[in-house]
Amino acid sequence: MDLISDGIYNLIIFVLAIYVGYHVVWNVTPALHTPLMAVTNAISAIVIVGAMMAAALTETGLGKTMGTLAVALAAVNVFGGFMVTRRMLEMFKKKAPKASAEKR
């Protein structure tokens, strides 16, 4: 018999992942936000593949529902991440000079 159930181990890992993730993300310098978003999008794409496999392999309705929900949420995360990354990259583009300012 285990002294601590598997659910408690999973909860401890989940809480530690939240703590480490929070400190990793908030201690990133602003210059690295765009590469960090790109890596996050890649990780979310891996989560989508894993969620599809998990949803396909489960036998219960709850498992399939949770897998489908995981796929949907990860897809929203990937789409939103690419939108944010695109907006951040547009901030670094050089702007064309205005034509009205040159005519004066």
PDB file of N, CA and C in Angstrom:
ATOM      1  N   MET A   1       0.830  -1.184   0.000  1.00  0.00           N
ATOM      2  CA  MET A   1       0.000   0.000   0.000  1.00  0.00           C
ATOM      3  C   MET A   1       0.875   1.248   0.000  1.00  0.00           C
ATOM      4  N   ASP A   2       0.485   2.173  -0.822  1.00  0.00           N
ATOM      5  CA  ASP A   2       1.198   3.448  -0.862  1.00  0.00           C
ATOM      6  C   ASP A   2       0.737   4.333   0.277  1.00  0.00           C
ATOM      7  N   LEU A   3       1.669   5.049   0.855  1.00  0.00           N
ATOM      8  CA  LEU A   3       1.314   5.988   1.914  1.00  0.00           C
ATOM      9  C   LEU A   3       0.636   7.225   1.348  1.00  0.00           C
ATOM     10  N   ILE A   4       1.051   7.617   0.140  1.00  0.00           N
ATOM     11  CA  ILE A   4       0.474   8.793  -0.513  1.00  0.00           C
ATOM     12  C   ILE A   4      -0.128   8.328  -1.837  1.00  0.00           C
ATOM     13  N   SER A   5      -1.346   8.753  -2.099  1.00  0.00           N
ATOM     14  CA  SER A   5      -2.021   8.313  -3.325  1.00  0.00           C
ATOM     15  C   SER A   5      -1.412   8.996  -4.554  1.00  0.00           C
ATOM     16  N   ASP A   6      -1.677   8.418  -5.710  1.00  0.00           N
ATOM     17  CA  ASP A   6      -1.179   8.990  -6.961  1.00  0.00           C
ATOM     18  C   ASP A   6      -1.757  10.373  -7.219  1.00  0.00           C
ATOM     19  N   GLY A   7      -2.973  10.608  -6.783  1.00  0.00           N
ATOM     20  CA  GLY A   7      -3.597  11.922  -6.964  1.00  0.00           C
ATOM     21  C   GLY A   7      -2.841  13.022  -6.233  1.00  0.00           C
ATOM     22  N   ILE A   8      -2.325  12.715  -5.049  1.00  0.00           N
ATOM     23  CA  ILE A   8      -1.545  13.700  -4.291  1.00  0.00           C
ATOM     24  C   ILE A   8      -0.225  13.982  -5.010  1.00  0.00           C
ATOM     25  N   TYR A   9       0.417  12.940  -5.531  1.00  0.00           N
ATOM     26  CA  TYR A   9       1.646  13.147  -6.303  1.00  0.00           C
ATOM     27  C   TYR A   9       1.373  14.042  -7.516  1.00  0.00           C
ATOM     28  N   ASN A  10       0.299  13.766  -8.219  1.00  0.00           N
ATOM     29  CA  ASN A  10      -0.052  14.576  -9.386  1.00  0.00           C
ATOM     30  C   ASN A  10      -0.347  16.013  -8.987  1.00  0.00           C
ATOM     31  N   LEU A  11      -1.014  16.218  -7.869  1.00  0.00           N
ATOM     32  CA  LEU A  11      -1.314  17.572  -7.395  1.00  0.00           C
ATOM     33  C   LEU A  11      -0.027  18.314  -7.041  1.00  0.00           C
ATOM     34  N   ILE A  12       0.905  17.647  -6.402  1.00  0.00           N
ATOM     35  CA  ILE A  12       2.186  18.271  -6.051  1.00  0.00           C
ATOM     36  C   ILE A  12       2.947  18.673  -7.313  1.00  0.00           C
ATOM     37  N   ILE A  13       2.987  17.794  -8.296  1.00  0.00           N
ATOM     38  CA  ILE A  13       3.668  18.099  -9.559  1.00  0.00           C
ATOM     39  C   ILE A  13       2.991  19.271 -10.250  1.00  0.00           C
ATOM     40  N   PHE A  14       1.658  19.305 -10.227  1.00  0.00           N
ATOM     41  CA  PHE A  14       0.913  20.389 -10.863  1.00  0.00           C
ATOM     42  C   PHE A  14       1.225  21.726 -10.192  1.00  0.00           C
ATOM     43  N   VAL A  15       1.226  21.761  -8.872  1.00  0.00           N
ATOM     44  CA  VAL A  15       1.514  23.002  -8.144  1.00  0.00           C
ATOM     45  C   VAL A  15       2.953  23.449  -8.399  1.00  0.00           C
ATOM     46  N   LEU A  16       3.903  22.528  -8.398  1.00  0.00           N
ATOM     47  CA  LEU A  16       5.287  22.885  -8.688  1.00  0.00           C
ATOM     48  C   LEU A  16       5.455  23.402 -10.117  1.00  0.00           C
ATOM     49  N   ALA A  17       4.733  22.810 -11.057  1.00  0.00           N
ATOM     50  CA  ALA A  17       4.800  23.276 -12.448  1.00  0.00           C
ATOM     51  C   ALA A  17       4.264  24.699 -12.569  1.00  0.00           C
ATOM     52  N   ILE A  18       3.195  25.007 -11.850  1.00  0.00           N
ATOM     53  CA  ILE A  18       2.654  26.370 -11.855  1.00  0.00           C
ATOM     54  C   ILE A  18       3.684  27.334 -11.281  1.00  0.00           C
ATOM     55  N   TYR A  19       4.293  26.974 -10.159  1.00  0.00           N
ATOM     56  CA  TYR A  19       5.272  27.843  -9.502  1.00  0.00           C
ATOM     57  C   TYR A  19       6.482  28.090 -10.400  1.00  0.00           C
ATOM     58  N   VAL A  20       7.041  27.038 -10.956  1.00  0.00           N
ATOM     59  CA  VAL A  20       8.217  27.179 -11.812  1.00  0.00           C
ATOM     60  C   VAL A  20       7.856  27.944 -13.082  1.00  0.00           C
ATOM     61  N   GLY A  21       6.721  27.620 -13.687  1.00  0.00           N
ATOM     62  CA  GLY A  21       6.292  28.318 -14.899  1.00  0.00           C
ATOM     63  C   GLY A  21       6.103  29.804 -14.671  1.00  0.00           C
ATOM     64  N   TYR A  22       5.519  30.167 -13.550  1.00  0.00           N
ATOM     65  CA  TYR A  22       5.310  31.582 -13.218  1.00  0.00           C
ATOM     66  C   TYR A  22       6.646  32.314 -13.141  1.00  0.00           C
ATOM     67  N   HIS A  23       7.595  31.750 -12.428  1.00  0.00           N
ATOM     68  CA  HIS A  23       8.882  32.420 -12.266  1.00  0.00           C
ATOM     69  C   HIS A  23       9.699  32.427 -13.551  1.00  0.00           C
ATOM     70  N   VAL A  24       9.571  31.406 -14.359  1.00  0.00           N
ATOM     71  CA  VAL A  24      10.301  31.383 -15.625  1.00  0.00           C
ATOM     72  C   VAL A  24       9.768  32.450 -16.565  1.00  0.00           C
ATOM     73  N   VAL A  25       8.457  32.574 -16.667  1.00  0.00           N
ATOM     74  CA  VAL A  25       7.869  33.525 -17.607  1.00  0.00           C
ATOM     75  C   VAL A  25       8.059  34.962 -17.141  1.00  0.00           C
ATOM     76  N   TRP A  26       7.866  35.250 -15.880  1.00  0.00           N
ATOM     77  CA  TRP A  26       7.936  36.637 -15.412  1.00  0.00           C
ATOM     78  C   TRP A  26       9.358  37.151 -15.261  1.00  0.00           C
ATOM     79  N   ASN A  27      10.364  36.293 -15.299  1.00  0.00           N
ATOM     80  CA  ASN A  27      11.741  36.747 -15.202  1.00  0.00           C
ATOM     81  C   ASN A  27      12.431  36.838 -16.558  1.00  0.00           C
ATOM     82  N   VAL A  28      11.675  36.765 -17.630  1.00  0.00           N
ATOM     83  CA  VAL A  28      12.235  36.880 -18.976  1.00  0.00           C
ATOM     84  C   VAL A  28      12.359  38.359 -19.337  1.00  0.00           C
ATOM     85  N   THR A  29      13.491  38.732 -19.912  1.00  0.00           N
ATOM     86  CA  THR A  29      13.667  40.122 -20.334  1.00  0.00           C
ATOM     87  C   THR A  29      12.754  40.408 -21.525  1.00  0.00           C
ATOM     88  N   PRO A  30      12.330  41.662 -21.701  1.00  0.00           N
ATOM     89  CA  PRO A  30      11.416  41.988 -22.805  1.00  0.00           C
ATOM     90  C   PRO A  30      11.963  41.633 -24.189  1.00  0.00           C
ATOM     91  N   ALA A  31      13.274  41.643 -24.367  1.00  0.00           N
ATOM     92  CA  ALA A  31      13.851  41.319 -25.678  1.00  0.00           C
ATOM     93  C   ALA A  31      13.614  39.868 -26.063  1.00  0.00           C
ATOM     94  N   LEU A  32      13.358  39.007 -25.096  1.00  0.00           N
ATOM     95  CA  LEU A  32      13.177  37.587 -25.388  1.00  0.00           C
ATOM     96  C   LEU A  32      11.716  37.161 -25.442  1.00  0.00           C
ATOM     97  N   HIS A  33      10.787  38.098 -25.336  1.00  0.00           N
ATOM     98  CA  HIS A  33       9.371  37.714 -25.337  1.00  0.00           C
ATOM     99  C   HIS A  33       8.935  37.073 -26.645  1.00  0.00           C
ATOM    100  N   THR A  34       9.387  37.600 -27.779  1.00  0.00           N
ATOM    101  CA  THR A  34       8.977  37.034 -29.064  1.00  0.00           C
ATOM    102  C   THR A  34       9.495  35.605 -29.252  1.00  0.00           C
ATOM    103  N   PRO A  35      10.777  35.321 -28.987  1.00  0.00           N
ATOM    104  CA  PRO A  35      11.218  33.917 -29.087  1.00  0.00           C
ATOM    105  C   PRO A  35      10.507  33.015 -28.082  1.00  0.00           C
ATOM    106  N   LEU A  36      10.215  33.541 -26.906  1.00  0.00           N
ATOM    107  CA  LEU A  36       9.509  32.745 -25.911  1.00  0.00           C
ATOM    108  C   LEU A  36       8.103  32.403 -26.403  1.00  0.00           C
ATOM    109  N   MET A  37       7.439  33.345 -27.058  1.00  0.00           N
ATOM    110  CA  MET A  37       6.109  33.074 -27.606  1.00  0.00           C
ATOM    111  C   MET A  37       6.191  32.007 -28.700  1.00  0.00           C
ATOM    112  N   ALA A  38       7.227  32.052 -29.516  1.00  0.00           N
ATOM    113  CA  ALA A  38       7.374  31.058 -30.574  1.00  0.00           C
ATOM    114  C   ALA A  38       7.560  29.664 -29.982  1.00  0.00           C
ATOM    115  N   VAL A  39       8.357  29.560 -28.927  1.00  0.00           N
ATOM    116  CA  VAL A  39       8.568  28.263 -28.280  1.00  0.00           C
ATOM    117  C   VAL A  39       7.278  27.799 -27.612  1.00  0.00           C
ATOM    118  N   THR A  40       6.552  28.725 -27.013  1.00  0.00           N
ATOM    119  CA  THR A  40       5.280  28.373 -26.380  1.00  0.00           C
ATOM    120  C   THR A  40       4.284  27.855 -27.406  1.00  0.00           C
ATOM    121  N   ASN A  41       4.267  28.457 -28.587  1.00  0.00           N
ATOM    122  CA  ASN A  41       3.381  27.969 -29.648  1.00  0.00           C
ATOM    123  C   ASN A  41       3.774  26.558 -30.078  1.00  0.00           C
ATOM    124  N   ALA A  42       5.059  26.286 -30.147  1.00  0.00           N
ATOM    125  CA  ALA A  42       5.510  24.944 -30.516  1.00  0.00           C
ATOM    126  C   ALA A  42       5.114  23.923 -29.451  1.00  0.00           C
ATOM    127  N   ILE A  43       5.243  24.299 -28.187  1.00  0.00           N
ATOM    128  CA  ILE A  43       4.849  23.395 -27.101  1.00  0.00           C
ATOM    129  C   ILE A  43       3.350  23.153 -27.139  1.00  0.00           C
ATOM    130  N   SER A  44       2.579  24.192 -27.415  1.00  0.00           N
ATOM    131  CA  SER A  44       1.126  24.024 -27.502  1.00  0.00           C
ATOM    132  C   SER A  44       0.740  23.103 -28.659  1.00  0.00           C
ATOM    133  N   ALA A  45       1.492  23.165 -29.740  1.00  0.00           N
ATOM    134  CA  ALA A  45       1.224  22.256 -30.860  1.00  0.00           C
ATOM    135  C   ALA A  45       1.488  20.810 -30.442  1.00  0.00           C
ATOM    136  N   ILE A  46       2.512  20.595 -29.635  1.00  0.00           N
ATOM    137  CA  ILE A  46       2.785  19.253 -29.125  1.00  0.00           C
ATOM    138  C   ILE A  46       1.667  18.809 -28.190  1.00  0.00           C
ATOM    139  N   VAL A  47       1.145  19.741 -27.397  1.00  0.00           N
ATOM    140  CA  VAL A  47       0.019  19.435 -26.505  1.00  0.00           C
ATOM    141  C   VAL A  47      -1.201  19.015 -27.314  1.00  0.00           C
ATOM    142  N   ILE A  48      -1.429  19.651 -28.449  1.00  0.00           N
ATOM    143  CA  ILE A  48      -2.563  19.287 -29.299  1.00  0.00           C
ATOM    144  C   ILE A  48      -2.432  17.837 -29.771  1.00  0.00           C
ATOM    145  N   VAL A  49      -1.244  17.476 -30.217  1.00  0.00           N
ATOM    146  CA  VAL A  49      -1.030  16.100 -30.681  1.00  0.00           C
ATOM    147  C   VAL A  49      -1.236  15.115 -29.527  1.00  0.00           C
ATOM    148  N   GLY A  50      -0.684  15.429 -28.356  1.00  0.00           N
ATOM    149  CA  GLY A  50      -0.859  14.560 -27.191  1.00  0.00           C
ATOM    150  C   GLY A  50      -2.308  14.454 -26.758  1.00  0.00           C
ATOM    151  N   ALA A  51      -3.037  15.560 -26.801  1.00  0.00           N
ATOM    152  CA  ALA A  51      -4.446  15.541 -26.418  1.00  0.00           C
ATOM    153  C   ALA A  51      -5.272  14.729 -27.413  1.00  0.00           C
ATOM    154  N   MET A  52      -4.936  14.818 -28.705  1.00  0.00           N
ATOM    155  CA  MET A  52      -5.657  14.013 -29.695  1.00  0.00           C
ATOM    156  C   MET A  52      -5.403  12.524 -29.467  1.00  0.00           C
ATOM    157  N   MET A  53      -4.162  12.186 -29.143  1.00  0.00           N
ATOM    158  CA  MET A  53      -3.846  10.770 -28.880  1.00  0.00           C
ATOM    159  C   MET A  53      -4.556  10.290 -27.610  1.00  0.00           C
ATOM    160  N   ALA A  54      -4.556  11.136 -26.576  1.00  0.00           N
ATOM    161  CA  ALA A  54      -5.207  10.754 -25.316  1.00  0.00           C
ATOM    162  C   ALA A  54      -6.708  10.602 -25.515  1.00  0.00           C
ATOM    163  N   ALA A  55      -7.313  11.505 -26.284  1.00  0.00           N
ATOM    164  CA  ALA A  55      -8.755  11.430 -26.517  1.00  0.00           C
ATOM    165  C   ALA A  55      -9.105  10.189 -27.340  1.00  0.00           C
ATOM    166  N   ALA A  56      -8.233   9.829 -28.266  1.00  0.00           N
ATOM    167  CA  ALA A  56      -8.509   8.668 -29.109  1.00  0.00           C
ATOM    168  C   ALA A  56      -8.355   7.354 -28.347  1.00  0.00           C
ATOM    169  N   LEU A  57      -7.463   7.324 -27.371  1.00  0.00           N
ATOM    170  CA  LEU A  57      -7.174   6.077 -26.673  1.00  0.00           C
ATOM    171  C   LEU A  57      -8.058   5.825 -25.456  1.00  0.00           C
ATOM    172  N   THR A  58      -8.805   6.823 -25.016  1.00  0.00           N
ATOM    173  CA  THR A  58      -9.650   6.616 -23.836  1.00  0.00           C
ATOM    174  C   THR A  58     -10.909   5.847 -24.216  1.00  0.00           C
ATOM    175  N   GLU A  59     -11.463   5.178 -23.233  1.00  0.00           N
ATOM    176  CA  GLU A  59     -12.659   4.386 -23.481  1.00  0.00           C
ATOM    177  C   GLU A  59     -13.907   5.014 -22.877  1.00  0.00           C
ATOM    178  N   THR A  60     -13.727   5.926 -21.936  1.00  0.00           N
ATOM    179  CA  THR A  60     -14.885   6.525 -21.281  1.00  0.00           C
ATOM    180  C   THR A  60     -15.295   7.814 -21.984  1.00  0.00           C
ATOM    181  N   GLY A  61     -16.529   8.175 -21.797  1.00  0.00           N
ATOM    182  CA  GLY A  61     -17.038   9.418 -22.375  1.00  0.00           C
ATOM    183  C   GLY A  61     -16.387  10.639 -21.754  1.00  0.00           C
ATOM    184  N   LEU A  62     -16.114  10.568 -20.443  1.00  0.00           N
ATOM    185  CA  LEU A  62     -15.463  11.696 -19.768  1.00  0.00           C
ATOM    186  C   LEU A  62     -14.059  11.909 -20.313  1.00  0.00           C
ATOM    187  N   GLY A  63     -13.339  10.836 -20.559  1.00  0.00           N
ATOM    188  CA  GLY A  63     -11.990  10.954 -21.114  1.00  0.00           C
ATOM    189  C   GLY A  63     -11.995  11.572 -22.497  1.00  0.00           C
ATOM    190  N   LYS A  64     -12.938  11.145 -23.323  1.00  0.00           N
ATOM    191  CA  LYS A  64     -13.035  11.714 -24.670  1.00  0.00           C
ATOM    192  C   LYS A  64     -13.428  13.188 -24.615  1.00  0.00           C
ATOM    193  N   THR A  65     -14.320  13.532 -23.698  1.00  0.00           N
ATOM    194  CA  THR A  65     -14.737  14.928 -23.548  1.00  0.00           C
ATOM    195  C   THR A  65     -13.576  15.789 -23.080  1.00  0.00           C
ATOM    196  N   MET A  66     -12.830  15.309 -22.086  1.00  0.00           N
ATOM    197  CA  MET A  66     -11.692  16.075 -21.576  1.00  0.00           C
ATOM    198  C   MET A  66     -10.593  16.193 -22.639  1.00  0.00           C
ATOM    199  N   GLY A  67     -10.373  15.139 -23.417  1.00  0.00           N
ATOM    200  CA  GLY A  67      -9.391  15.195 -24.501  1.00  0.00           C
ATOM    201  C   GLY A  67      -9.792  16.186 -25.575  1.00  0.00           C
ATOM    202  N   THR A  68     -11.072  16.186 -25.921  1.00  0.00           N
ATOM    203  CA  THR A  68     -11.573  17.135 -26.916  1.00  0.00           C
ATOM    204  C   THR A  68     -11.451  18.561 -26.399  1.00  0.00           C
ATOM    205  N   LEU A  69     -11.752  18.765 -25.132  1.00  0.00           N
ATOM    206  CA  LEU A  69     -11.614  20.094 -24.515  1.00  0.00           C
ATOM    207  C   LEU A  69     -10.149  20.528 -24.514  1.00  0.00           C
ATOM    208  N   ALA A  70      -9.245  19.595 -24.229  1.00  0.00           N
ATOM    209  CA  ALA A  70      -7.813  19.919 -24.249  1.00  0.00           C
ATOM    210  C   ALA A  70      -7.352  20.308 -25.646  1.00  0.00           C
ATOM    211  N   VAL A  71      -7.839  19.623 -26.660  1.00  0.00           N
ATOM    212  CA  VAL A  71      -7.488  19.963 -28.041  1.00  0.00           C
ATOM    213  C   VAL A  71      -8.005  21.358 -28.381  1.00  0.00           C
ATOM    214  N   ALA A  72      -9.232  21.648 -28.006  1.00  0.00           N
ATOM    215  CA  ALA A  72      -9.817  22.953 -28.313  1.00  0.00           C
ATOM    216  C   ALA A  72      -9.068  24.082 -27.608  1.00  0.00           C
ATOM    217  N   LEU A  73      -8.775  23.908 -26.334  1.00  0.00           N
ATOM    218  CA  LEU A  73      -8.077  24.960 -25.590  1.00  0.00           C
ATOM    219  C   LEU A  73      -6.649  25.152 -26.094  1.00  0.00           C
ATOM    220  N   ALA A  74      -5.963  24.076 -26.434  1.00  0.00           N
ATOM    221  CA  ALA A  74      -4.606  24.209 -26.969  1.00  0.00           C
ATOM    222  C   ALA A  74      -4.630  24.877 -28.344  1.00  0.00           C
ATOM    223  N   ALA A  75      -5.650  24.601 -29.146  1.00  0.00           N
ATOM    224  CA  ALA A  75      -5.765  25.244 -30.458  1.00  0.00           C
ATOM    225  C   ALA A  75      -6.001  26.747 -30.301  1.00  0.00           C
ATOM    226  N   VAL A  76      -6.838  27.128 -29.347  1.00  0.00           N
ATOM    227  CA  VAL A  76      -7.055  28.551 -29.068  1.00  0.00           C
ATOM    228  C   VAL A  76      -5.749  29.192 -28.606  1.00  0.00           C
ATOM    229  N   ASN A  77      -4.991  28.486 -27.787  1.00  0.00           N
ATOM    230  CA  ASN A  77      -3.711  29.000 -27.305  1.00  0.00           C
ATOM    231  C   ASN A  77      -2.722  29.195 -28.452  1.00  0.00           C
ATOM    232  N   VAL A  78      -2.658  28.250 -29.362  1.00  0.00           N
ATOM    233  CA  VAL A  78      -1.750  28.373 -30.507  1.00  0.00           C
ATOM    234  C   VAL A  78      -2.164  29.546 -31.387  1.00  0.00           C
ATOM    235  N   PHE A  79      -3.450  29.643 -31.696  1.00  0.00           N
ATOM    236  CA  PHE A  79      -3.940  30.730 -32.547  1.00  0.00           C
ATOM    237  C   PHE A  79      -3.674  32.083 -31.894  1.00  0.00           C
ATOM    238  N   GLY A  80      -3.990  32.215 -30.616  1.00  0.00           N
ATOM    239  CA  GLY A  80      -3.750  33.471 -29.910  1.00  0.00           C
ATOM    240  C   GLY A  80      -2.271  33.797 -29.818  1.00  0.00           C
ATOM    241  N   GLY A  81      -1.447  32.773 -29.619  1.00  0.00           N
ATOM    242  CA  GLY A  81      -0.007  32.996 -29.553  1.00  0.00           C
ATOM    243  C   GLY A  81       0.559  33.511 -30.859  1.00  0.00           C
ATOM    244  N   PHE A  82       0.092  32.957 -31.976  1.00  0.00           N
ATOM    245  CA  PHE A  82       0.566  33.446 -33.267  1.00  0.00           C
ATOM    246  C   PHE A  82       0.087  34.866 -33.526  1.00  0.00           C
ATOM    247  N   MET A  83      -1.105  35.201 -33.082  1.00  0.00           N
ATOM    248  CA  MET A  83      -1.608  36.572 -33.252  1.00  0.00           C
ATOM    249  C   MET A  83      -0.755  37.559 -32.441  1.00  0.00           C
ATOM    250  N   VAL A  84      -0.455  37.201 -31.208  1.00  0.00           N
ATOM    251  CA  VAL A  84       0.363  38.074 -30.361  1.00  0.00           C
ATOM    252  C   VAL A  84       1.778  38.198 -30.920  1.00  0.00           C
ATOM    253  N   THR A  85       2.354  37.094 -31.373  1.00  0.00           N
ATOM    254  CA  THR A  85       3.699  37.127 -31.942  1.00  0.00           C
ATOM    255  C   THR A  85       3.737  38.003 -33.182  1.00  0.00           C
ATOM    256  N   ARG A  86       2.717  37.901 -34.020  1.00  0.00           N
ATOM    257  CA  ARG A  86       2.669  38.730 -35.234  1.00  0.00           C
ATOM    258  C   ARG A  86       2.607  40.213 -34.875  1.00  0.00           C
ATOM    259  N   ARG A  87       1.775  40.554 -33.892  1.00  0.00           N
ATOM    260  CA  ARG A  87       1.678  41.961 -33.474  1.00  0.00           C
ATOM    261  C   ARG A  87       2.985  42.461 -32.879  1.00  0.00           C
ATOM    262  N   MET A  88       3.669  41.593 -32.130  1.00  0.00           N
ATOM    263  CA  MET A  88       4.946  41.998 -31.543  1.00  0.00           C
ATOM    264  C   MET A  88       5.995  42.212 -32.631  1.00  0.00           C
ATOM    265  N   LEU A  89       6.015  41.357 -33.642  1.00  0.00           N
ATOM    266  CA  LEU A  89       6.983  41.513 -34.725  1.00  0.00           C
ATOM    267  C   LEU A  89       6.686  42.743 -35.570  1.00  0.00           C
ATOM    268  N   GLU A  90       5.421  43.113 -35.715  1.00  0.00           N
ATOM    269  CA  GLU A  90       5.073  44.320 -36.461  1.00  0.00           C
ATOM    270  C   GLU A  90       5.567  45.578 -35.762  1.00  0.00           C
ATOM    271  N   MET A  91       5.732  45.529 -34.458  1.00  0.00           N
ATOM    272  CA  MET A  91       6.240  46.688 -33.728  1.00  0.00           C
ATOM    273  C   MET A  91       7.686  46.990 -34.107  1.00  0.00           C
ATOM    274  N   PHE A  92       8.439  45.994 -34.556  1.00  0.00           N
ATOM    275  CA  PHE A  92       9.845  46.184 -34.881  1.00  0.00           C
ATOM    276  C   PHE A  92      10.079  46.553 -36.340  1.00  0.00           C
ATOM    277  N   LYS A  93       9.035  46.543 -37.164  1.00  0.00           N
ATOM    278  CA  LYS A  93       9.195  46.909 -38.573  1.00  0.00           C
ATOM    279  C   LYS A  93       9.408  48.411 -38.693  1.00  0.00           C
ATOM    280  N   LYS A  94      10.226  48.782 -39.678  1.00  0.00           N
ATOM    281  CA  LYS A  94      10.430  50.205 -39.940  1.00  0.00           C
ATOM    282  C   LYS A  94       9.195  50.761 -40.636  1.00  0.00           C
ATOM    283  N   LYS A  95       8.792  51.926 -40.187  1.00  0.00           N
ATOM    284  CA  LYS A  95       7.616  52.554 -40.780  1.00  0.00           C
ATOM    285  C   LYS A  95       8.051  53.418 -41.958  1.00  0.00           C
ATOM    286  N   ALA A  96       7.244  53.393 -43.013  1.00  0.00           N
ATOM    287  CA  ALA A  96       7.523  54.207 -44.192  1.00  0.00           C
ATOM    288  C   ALA A  96       7.273  55.685 -43.860  1.00  0.00           C
ATOM    289  N   PRO A  97       8.101  56.584 -44.386  1.00  0.00           N
ATOM    290  CA  PRO A  97       7.868  58.013 -44.108  1.00  0.00           C
ATOM    291  C   PRO A  97       6.564  58.470 -44.745  1.00  0.00           C
ATOM    292  N   LYS A  98       5.928  59.384 -44.065  1.00  0.00           N
ATOM    293  CA  LYS A  98       4.648  59.885 -44.566  1.00  0.00           C
ATOM    294  C   LYS A  98       4.879  60.800 -45.778  1.00  0.00           C
ATOM    295  N   ALA A  99       4.045  60.670 -46.785  1.00  0.00           N
ATOM    296  CA  ALA A  99       4.182  61.441 -48.021  1.00  0.00           C
ATOM    297  C   ALA A  99       3.837  62.895 -47.787  1.00  0.00           C
ATOM    298  N   SER A 100       2.888  63.186 -46.920  1.00  0.00           N
ATOM    299  CA  SER A 100       2.477  64.576 -46.683  1.00  0.00           C
ATOM    300  C   SER A 100       3.577  65.380 -45.989  1.00  0.00           C
ATOM    301  N   ALA A 101       4.405  64.739 -45.185  1.00  0.00           N
ATOM    302  CA  ALA A 101       5.483  65.443 -44.498  1.00  0.00           C
ATOM    303  C   ALA A 101       6.599  65.816 -45.464  1.00  0.00           C
ATOM    304  N   GLU A 102       6.795  65.061 -46.544  1.00  0.00           N
ATOM    305  CA  GLU A 102       7.854  65.341 -47.508  1.00  0.00           C
ATOM    306  C   GLU A 102       7.476  66.465 -48.463  1.00  0.00           C
ATOM    307  N   LYS A 103       6.197  66.682 -48.707  1.00  0.00           N
ATOM    308  CA  LYS A 103       5.745  67.688 -49.669  1.00  0.00           C
ATOM    309  C   LYS A 103       5.873  69.102 -49.122  1.00  0.00           C
ATOM    310  N   ARG A 104       5.962  69.286 -47.849  1.00  0.00           N
ATOM    311  CA  ARG A 104       6.012  70.633 -47.270  1.00  0.00           C
ATOM    312  C   ARG A 104       7.312  71.255 -47.488  1.00  0.00           C
TER     313      ARG A 104
END
